[in-house]
């Protein structure tokens, strides 16, 4: 049985989320599945939360601005 989680990841570093996404998917392969959506500045967070459920929200501590 596999569990599917919707993740919304806000990070201003373009490379970090993409590089970690593959590692996360390999580590939890067969147990968990992830639908990961990236945002670079968090502007769309309210719209995203209103349109669909999010299981995990990952925030970058040092967002510019």
C-alpha atoms as a PDB file:
ATOM      1  CA  UNK A   1       0.000   0.000   0.000  1.00  0.00           C
ATOM      2  CA  UNK A   2       1.280   3.441  -0.907  1.00  0.00           C
ATOM      3  CA  UNK A   3       0.243   6.751   0.612  1.00  0.00           C
ATOM      4  CA  UNK A   4       0.105   9.857  -1.580  1.00  0.00           C
ATOM      5  CA  UNK A   5       0.966  13.223  -0.026  1.00  0.00           C
ATOM      6  CA  UNK A   6       0.527  16.677  -1.542  1.00  0.00           C
ATOM      7  CA  UNK A   7       3.460  18.921  -0.666  1.00  0.00           C
ATOM      8  CA  UNK A   8       3.692  22.648  -1.318  1.00  0.00           C
ATOM      9  CA  UNK A   9       7.309  23.820  -1.113  1.00  0.00           C
ATOM     10  CA  UNK A  10       8.206  27.517  -1.007  1.00  0.00           C
ATOM     11  CA  UNK A  11      11.892  28.205  -1.543  1.00  0.00           C
ATOM     12  CA  UNK A  12      13.789  30.953  -3.363  1.00  0.00           C
ATOM     13  CA  UNK A  13      16.672  28.576  -4.149  1.00  0.00           C
ATOM     14  CA  UNK A  14      15.821  27.124  -7.563  1.00  0.00           C
ATOM     15  CA  UNK A  15      18.133  24.125  -7.297  1.00  0.00           C
ATOM     16  CA  UNK A  16      17.510  22.896  -3.753  1.00  0.00           C
ATOM     17  CA  UNK A  17      13.908  21.638  -4.041  1.00  0.00           C
ATOM     18  CA  UNK A  18      14.567  19.858  -7.338  1.00  0.00           C
ATOM     19  CA  UNK A  19      17.682  18.131  -6.017  1.00  0.00           C
ATOM     20  CA  UNK A  20      15.979  17.041  -2.801  1.00  0.00           C
ATOM     21  CA  UNK A  21      12.809  15.908  -4.573  1.00  0.00           C
ATOM     22  CA  UNK A  22      14.623  13.028  -6.278  1.00  0.00           C
ATOM     23  CA  UNK A  23      16.296  11.997  -3.012  1.00  0.00           C
ATOM     24  CA  UNK A  24      12.956  12.040  -1.152  1.00  0.00           C
ATOM     25  CA  UNK A  25      11.244   9.985  -3.850  1.00  0.00           C
ATOM     26  CA  UNK A  26      14.043   7.377  -3.900  1.00  0.00           C
ATOM     27  CA  UNK A  27      14.185   7.119  -0.089  1.00  0.00           C
ATOM     28  CA  UNK A  28      10.445   6.568   0.338  1.00  0.00           C
ATOM     29  CA  UNK A  29       9.772   4.652  -2.896  1.00  0.00           C
ATOM     30  CA  UNK A  30       7.053   2.036  -2.448  1.00  0.00           C
ATOM     31  CA  UNK A  31       5.855   3.459   0.862  1.00  0.00           C
ATOM     32  CA  UNK A  32       4.957   7.052   0.078  1.00  0.00           C
ATOM     33  CA  UNK A  33       4.228   8.930  -3.116  1.00  0.00           C
ATOM     34  CA  UNK A  34       4.617  12.684  -3.338  1.00  0.00           C
ATOM     35  CA  UNK A  35       2.965  15.312  -5.482  1.00  0.00           C
ATOM     36  CA  UNK A  36       5.356  18.218  -4.904  1.00  0.00           C
ATOM     37  CA  UNK A  37       4.500  21.708  -6.138  1.00  0.00           C
ATOM     38  CA  UNK A  38       7.204  24.382  -5.926  1.00  0.00           C
ATOM     39  CA  UNK A  39       6.757  28.132  -5.497  1.00  0.00           C
ATOM     40  CA  UNK A  40       9.664  30.562  -5.460  1.00  0.00           C
ATOM     41  CA  UNK A  41       8.163  33.410  -3.437  1.00  0.00           C
ATOM     42  CA  UNK A  42       4.979  32.239  -1.712  1.00  0.00           C
ATOM     43  CA  UNK A  43       2.728  34.671  -3.584  1.00  0.00           C
ATOM     44  CA  UNK A  44       0.345  31.879  -4.610  1.00  0.00           C
ATOM     45  CA  UNK A  45       0.073  30.200  -1.206  1.00  0.00           C
ATOM     46  CA  UNK A  46      -3.433  31.448  -0.347  1.00  0.00           C
ATOM     47  CA  UNK A  47      -4.771  30.519  -3.772  1.00  0.00           C
ATOM     48  CA  UNK A  48      -3.179  27.073  -3.565  1.00  0.00           C
ATOM     49  CA  UNK A  49      -4.595  26.394  -0.087  1.00  0.00           C
ATOM     50  CA  UNK A  50      -8.064  27.478  -1.184  1.00  0.00           C
ATOM     51  CA  UNK A  51      -8.053  25.284  -4.287  1.00  0.00           C
ATOM     52  CA  UNK A  52      -6.837  21.943  -2.885  1.00  0.00           C
ATOM     53  CA  UNK A  53      -5.743  20.287   0.345  1.00  0.00           C
ATOM     54  CA  UNK A  54      -2.057  20.396   1.240  1.00  0.00           C
ATOM     55  CA  UNK A  55      -0.609  17.680   3.480  1.00  0.00           C
ATOM     56  CA  UNK A  56       2.754  19.320   4.069  1.00  0.00           C
ATOM     57  CA  UNK A  57       3.930  22.903   3.661  1.00  0.00           C
ATOM     58  CA  UNK A  58       7.705  23.425   3.473  1.00  0.00           C
ATOM     59  CA  UNK A  59       8.906  26.997   3.942  1.00  0.00           C
ATOM     60  CA  UNK A  60      12.330  28.466   3.332  1.00  0.00           C
ATOM     61  CA  UNK A  61      13.406  30.351   6.425  1.00  0.00           C
ATOM     62  CA  UNK A  62      15.365  32.989   4.496  1.00  0.00           C
ATOM     63  CA  UNK A  63      13.008  34.014   1.689  1.00  0.00           C
ATOM     64  CA  UNK A  64      14.137  37.257   0.087  1.00  0.00           C
ATOM     65  CA  UNK A  65      11.868  40.226   0.743  1.00  0.00           C
END
